[in-house]
């Protein structure tokens, strides 16, 4: 989303300043900036630039296939008049869609960077497994069932 300068509109409108403030402070899909890295076969890392936020102002929630990172900045502007606001310090909510069986392993805020470590833990029953062919023998009962199915199939084709 682009940044728009509403200053010319302030000069020609009366009573719309609240509307322009809402537009300026609306959610920005490109903020805060982040990286997503694959650091191992089943390990991932999300790094978010959150300069000026403390650990108490950040909340991580995993709800099903979504990892939600929210930040609520406490107001510190009392008694100060900001002439230029170049630092993005507003509230944010960033939602990441994550794959099945991905869990948050750890999260840490260091030097203005929030690092979220993720790991994909696939249950043993869902992992692919190799089945040897010809390694074992079918029992006599299984062999009879296989022969009977094959004969039924041939008989059905002859009758048709």
C-alpha atoms as a PDB file:
ATOM      1  CA  UNK A   1       0.000   0.000   0.000  1.00  0.00           C
ATOM      2  CA  UNK A   2       1.308   3.455  -0.807  1.00  0.00           C
ATOM      3  CA  UNK A   3       1.695   6.365   1.562  1.00  0.00           C
ATOM      4  CA  UNK A   4      -0.510   9.266   0.597  1.00  0.00           C
ATOM      5  CA  UNK A   5      -0.037  12.879   1.607  1.00  0.00           C
ATOM      6  CA  UNK A   6      -3.375  14.181   2.866  1.00  0.00           C
ATOM      7  CA  UNK A   7      -2.053  17.677   3.714  1.00  0.00           C
ATOM      8  CA  UNK A   8      -3.686  19.383   0.679  1.00  0.00           C
ATOM      9  CA  UNK A   9      -7.034  17.883   1.664  1.00  0.00           C
ATOM     10  CA  UNK A  10      -6.746  19.233   5.218  1.00  0.00           C
ATOM     11  CA  UNK A  11      -6.698  22.769   3.785  1.00  0.00           C
ATOM     12  CA  UNK A  12      -9.916  22.300   1.800  1.00  0.00           C
ATOM     13  CA  UNK A  13     -12.030  20.191   4.152  1.00  0.00           C
ATOM     14  CA  UNK A  14     -13.513  20.775   7.555  1.00  0.00           C
ATOM     15  CA  UNK A  15     -14.215  17.996  10.041  1.00  0.00           C
ATOM     16  CA  UNK A  16     -12.638  15.162   8.057  1.00  0.00           C
ATOM     17  CA  UNK A  17      -9.373  15.042  10.009  1.00  0.00           C
ATOM     18  CA  UNK A  18     -10.540  11.947  11.883  1.00  0.00           C
ATOM     19  CA  UNK A  19     -11.185  10.159   8.578  1.00  0.00           C
ATOM     20  CA  UNK A  20      -7.681  10.974   7.312  1.00  0.00           C
ATOM     21  CA  UNK A  21      -6.157   9.794  10.597  1.00  0.00           C
ATOM     22  CA  UNK A  22      -7.988   6.473  10.229  1.00  0.00           C
ATOM     23  CA  UNK A  23      -6.654   6.110   6.680  1.00  0.00           C
ATOM     24  CA  UNK A  24      -3.118   6.876   7.852  1.00  0.00           C
ATOM     25  CA  UNK A  25      -3.249   4.423  10.747  1.00  0.00           C
ATOM     26  CA  UNK A  26      -5.010   1.601   8.889  1.00  0.00           C
ATOM     27  CA  UNK A  27      -3.467  -1.842   8.556  1.00  0.00           C
ATOM     28  CA  UNK A  28      -0.500  -2.085   6.227  1.00  0.00           C
ATOM     29  CA  UNK A  29      -0.067  -5.495   4.604  1.00  0.00           C
ATOM     30  CA  UNK A  30       3.625  -4.844   3.941  1.00  0.00           C
ATOM     31  CA  UNK A  31       4.457  -3.956   7.533  1.00  0.00           C
ATOM     32  CA  UNK A  32       6.245  -5.151   9.548  1.00  0.00           C
ATOM     33  CA  UNK A  33       8.813  -6.523   7.102  1.00  0.00           C
ATOM     34  CA  UNK A  34       9.713 -10.191   7.495  1.00  0.00           C
ATOM     35  CA  UNK A  35      11.786 -13.039   6.055  1.00  0.00           C
ATOM     36  CA  UNK A  36      10.871 -16.716   5.869  1.00  0.00           C
ATOM     37  CA  UNK A  37      13.825 -19.124   5.753  1.00  0.00           C
ATOM     38  CA  UNK A  38      14.199 -22.878   5.424  1.00  0.00           C
ATOM     39  CA  UNK A  39      17.112 -23.748   7.700  1.00  0.00           C
ATOM     40  CA  UNK A  40      16.872 -27.550   7.628  1.00  0.00           C
ATOM     41  CA  UNK A  41      14.882 -30.397   6.149  1.00  0.00           C
ATOM     42  CA  UNK A  42      12.006 -29.816   8.586  1.00  0.00           C
ATOM     43  CA  UNK A  43      13.092 -26.549  10.230  1.00  0.00           C
ATOM     44  CA  UNK A  44      11.983 -23.022   9.315  1.00  0.00           C
ATOM     45  CA  UNK A  45      12.481 -19.515  10.679  1.00  0.00           C
ATOM     46  CA  UNK A  46      10.358 -16.375  10.383  1.00  0.00           C
ATOM     47  CA  UNK A  47      12.256 -13.175  11.204  1.00  0.00           C
ATOM     48  CA  UNK A  48      10.290  -9.946  11.665  1.00  0.00           C
ATOM     49  CA  UNK A  49      11.743  -6.440  12.049  1.00  0.00           C
ATOM     50  CA  UNK A  50      10.025  -5.008  15.132  1.00  0.00           C
ATOM     51  CA  UNK A  51      12.255  -2.155  16.244  1.00  0.00           C
ATOM     52  CA  UNK A  52      10.855  -0.317  19.243  1.00  0.00           C
ATOM     53  CA  UNK A  53       8.599  -3.159  20.443  1.00  0.00           C
ATOM     54  CA  UNK A  54       9.147  -4.934  23.741  1.00  0.00           C
ATOM     55  CA  UNK A  55       8.352  -8.585  24.480  1.00  0.00           C
ATOM     56  CA  UNK A  56       5.269  -7.496  26.440  1.00  0.00           C
ATOM     57  CA  UNK A  57       3.844  -5.703  23.382  1.00  0.00           C
ATOM     58  CA  UNK A  58       4.053  -8.769  21.076  1.00  0.00           C
ATOM     59  CA  UNK A  59       1.744 -11.784  21.116  1.00  0.00           C
ATOM     60  CA  UNK A  60       2.112 -15.036  19.155  1.00  0.00           C
ATOM     61  CA  UNK A  61      -0.837 -17.379  18.730  1.00  0.00           C
ATOM     62  CA  UNK A  62      -1.047 -20.609  16.744  1.00  0.00           C
ATOM     63  CA  UNK A  63      -4.612 -21.473  15.858  1.00  0.00           C
ATOM     64  CA  UNK A  64      -4.894 -24.470  13.544  1.00  0.00           C
ATOM     65  CA  UNK A  65      -3.150 -23.697  10.239  1.00  0.00           C
ATOM     66  CA  UNK A  66      -2.489 -20.054  11.170  1.00  0.00           C
ATOM     67  CA  UNK A  67       0.308 -18.407  13.109  1.00  0.00           C
ATOM     68  CA  UNK A  68      -0.859 -14.964  14.219  1.00  0.00           C
ATOM     69  CA  UNK A  69       1.645 -12.329  15.338  1.00  0.00           C
ATOM     70  CA  UNK A  70       0.133  -9.185  16.828  1.00  0.00           C
ATOM     71  CA  UNK A  71       1.769  -6.115  18.264  1.00  0.00           C
ATOM     72  CA  UNK A  72       0.158  -3.428  20.360  1.00  0.00           C
ATOM     73  CA  UNK A  73       2.350  -0.386  20.896  1.00  0.00           C
ATOM     74  CA  UNK A  74       1.734   1.503  24.124  1.00  0.00           C
ATOM     75  CA  UNK A  75       1.161   5.223  23.540  1.00  0.00           C
ATOM     76  CA  UNK A  76       4.207   7.319  24.429  1.00  0.00           C
ATOM     77  CA  UNK A  77       3.260  10.553  22.666  1.00  0.00           C
ATOM     78  CA  UNK A  78       1.882  12.307  25.744  1.00  0.00           C
ATOM     79  CA  UNK A  79       3.448  15.730  26.120  1.00  0.00           C
ATOM     80  CA  UNK A  80       5.371  15.441  22.846  1.00  0.00           C
ATOM     81  CA  UNK A  81       4.631  17.043  19.527  1.00  0.00           C
ATOM     82  CA  UNK A  82       5.825  14.841  16.646  1.00  0.00           C
ATOM     83  CA  UNK A  83       6.880  16.974  13.682  1.00  0.00           C
ATOM     84  CA  UNK A  84       7.755  14.030  11.460  1.00  0.00           C
ATOM     85  CA  UNK A  85       6.871  10.386  12.042  1.00  0.00           C
ATOM     86  CA  UNK A  86       9.314   8.238  10.093  1.00  0.00           C
ATOM     87  CA  UNK A  87       9.421   5.314  12.484  1.00  0.00           C
ATOM     88  CA  UNK A  88       6.593   2.844  12.013  1.00  0.00           C
ATOM     89  CA  UNK A  89       5.430   2.171  15.543  1.00  0.00           C
ATOM     90  CA  UNK A  90       1.742   1.367  15.125  1.00  0.00           C
ATOM     91  CA  UNK A  91      -0.195  -1.727  16.039  1.00  0.00           C
ATOM     92  CA  UNK A  92      -0.029  -4.635  13.622  1.00  0.00           C
ATOM     93  CA  UNK A  93      -1.431  -8.076  12.968  1.00  0.00           C
ATOM     94  CA  UNK A  94       0.373 -10.474  10.647  1.00  0.00           C
ATOM     95  CA  UNK A  95      -1.094 -13.888   9.806  1.00  0.00           C
ATOM     96  CA  UNK A  96       1.042 -16.690   8.400  1.00  0.00           C
ATOM     97  CA  UNK A  97      -0.549 -19.806   6.900  1.00  0.00           C
ATOM     98  CA  UNK A  98       1.461 -22.818   7.979  1.00  0.00           C
ATOM     99  CA  UNK A  99       1.419 -26.415   6.774  1.00  0.00           C
ATOM    100  CA  UNK A 100       0.024 -29.378   8.659  1.00  0.00           C
ATOM    101  CA  UNK A 101       2.105 -30.658  11.570  1.00  0.00           C
ATOM    102  CA  UNK A 102       4.189 -27.449  11.784  1.00  0.00           C
ATOM    103  CA  UNK A 103       4.679 -26.258  15.344  1.00  0.00           C
ATOM    104  CA  UNK A 104       6.367 -23.234  16.892  1.00  0.00           C
ATOM    105  CA  UNK A 105       9.530 -24.451  18.610  1.00  0.00           C
ATOM    106  CA  UNK A 106      10.749 -21.130  20.062  1.00  0.00           C
ATOM    107  CA  UNK A 107      10.457 -17.352  19.705  1.00  0.00           C
ATOM    108  CA  UNK A 108      12.867 -14.633  20.779  1.00  0.00           C
ATOM    109  CA  UNK A 109      13.082 -10.849  20.407  1.00  0.00           C
ATOM    110  CA  UNK A 110      16.678  -9.691  20.071  1.00  0.00           C
ATOM    111  CA  UNK A 111      18.028  -6.374  18.714  1.00  0.00           C
ATOM    112  CA  UNK A 112      14.647  -5.416  17.241  1.00  0.00           C
ATOM    113  CA  UNK A 113      14.252  -8.728  15.370  1.00  0.00           C
ATOM    114  CA  UNK A 114      11.617 -11.274  16.341  1.00  0.00           C
ATOM    115  CA  UNK A 115      12.788 -14.778  15.390  1.00  0.00           C
ATOM    116  CA  UNK A 116      10.197 -17.558  15.344  1.00  0.00           C
ATOM    117  CA  UNK A 117      11.599 -21.082  15.012  1.00  0.00           C
ATOM    118  CA  UNK A 118       9.231 -23.608  13.417  1.00  0.00           C
ATOM    119  CA  UNK A 119       9.555 -27.363  13.051  1.00  0.00           C
ATOM    120  CA  UNK A 120       7.501 -29.787  10.987  1.00  0.00           C
ATOM    121  CA  UNK A 121       6.872 -32.923  13.041  1.00  0.00           C
ATOM    122  CA  UNK A 122       5.280 -35.542  10.798  1.00  0.00           C
ATOM    123  CA  UNK A 123       3.743 -38.414  12.796  1.00  0.00           C
ATOM    124  CA  UNK A 124       5.372 -41.805  12.185  1.00  0.00           C
ATOM    125  CA  UNK A 125       2.198 -43.290  10.647  1.00  0.00           C
ATOM    126  CA  UNK A 126       2.091 -40.511   8.010  1.00  0.00           C
ATOM    127  CA  UNK A 127       5.737 -40.780   6.972  1.00  0.00           C
ATOM    128  CA  UNK A 128       6.396 -42.653   3.739  1.00  0.00           C
ATOM    129  CA  UNK A 129       7.707 -46.164   4.246  1.00  0.00           C
ATOM    130  CA  UNK A 130       9.311 -48.594   1.837  1.00  0.00           C
ATOM    131  CA  UNK A 131       7.534 -51.907   1.339  1.00  0.00           C
ATOM    132  CA  UNK A 132       9.766 -54.689   0.048  1.00  0.00           C
ATOM    133  CA  UNK A 133       8.441 -56.617  -2.962  1.00  0.00           C
ATOM    134  CA  UNK A 134       9.041 -60.370  -2.983  1.00  0.00           C
ATOM    135  CA  UNK A 135      10.558 -60.258   0.465  1.00  0.00           C
ATOM    136  CA  UNK A 136       7.779 -62.246   2.090  1.00  0.00           C
ATOM    137  CA  UNK A 137       5.380 -64.960   1.016  1.00  0.00           C
ATOM    138  CA  UNK A 138       1.617 -64.823   0.997  1.00  0.00           C
ATOM    139  CA  UNK A 139      -0.157 -67.392   3.104  1.00  0.00           C
ATOM    140  CA  UNK A 140      -2.035 -70.213   1.360  1.00  0.00           C
ATOM    141  CA  UNK A 141      -5.350 -68.558   2.215  1.00  0.00           C
ATOM    142  CA  UNK A 142      -4.246 -65.218   0.672  1.00  0.00           C
ATOM    143  CA  UNK A 143      -3.044 -67.051  -2.459  1.00  0.00           C
ATOM    144  CA  UNK A 144      -6.427 -68.814  -2.841  1.00  0.00           C
ATOM    145  CA  UNK A 145      -8.282 -65.468  -2.468  1.00  0.00           C
ATOM    146  CA  UNK A 146      -6.085 -63.886  -5.144  1.00  0.00           C
ATOM    147  CA  UNK A 147      -6.650 -66.825  -7.552  1.00  0.00           C
ATOM    148  CA  UNK A 148     -10.436 -66.789  -6.952  1.00  0.00           C
ATOM    149  CA  UNK A 149     -10.626 -63.012  -7.668  1.00  0.00           C
ATOM    150  CA  UNK A 150      -8.648 -63.493 -10.900  1.00  0.00           C
ATOM    151  CA  UNK A 151     -10.939 -66.358 -12.028  1.00  0.00           C
ATOM    152  CA  UNK A 152     -14.096 -64.367 -11.197  1.00  0.00           C
ATOM    153  CA  UNK A 153     -12.812 -61.518 -13.273  1.00  0.00           C
ATOM    154  CA  UNK A 154     -12.176 -63.784 -16.299  1.00  0.00           C
ATOM    155  CA  UNK A 155     -15.591 -65.464 -15.949  1.00  0.00           C
ATOM    156  CA  UNK A 156     -17.333 -62.099 -15.873  1.00  0.00           C
ATOM    157  CA  UNK A 157     -15.617 -61.040 -19.101  1.00  0.00           C
ATOM    158  CA  UNK A 158     -16.625 -64.296 -20.903  1.00  0.00           C
ATOM    159  CA  UNK A 159     -20.277 -63.934 -19.907  1.00  0.00           C
ATOM    160  CA  UNK A 160     -20.490 -60.397 -21.219  1.00  0.00           C
END
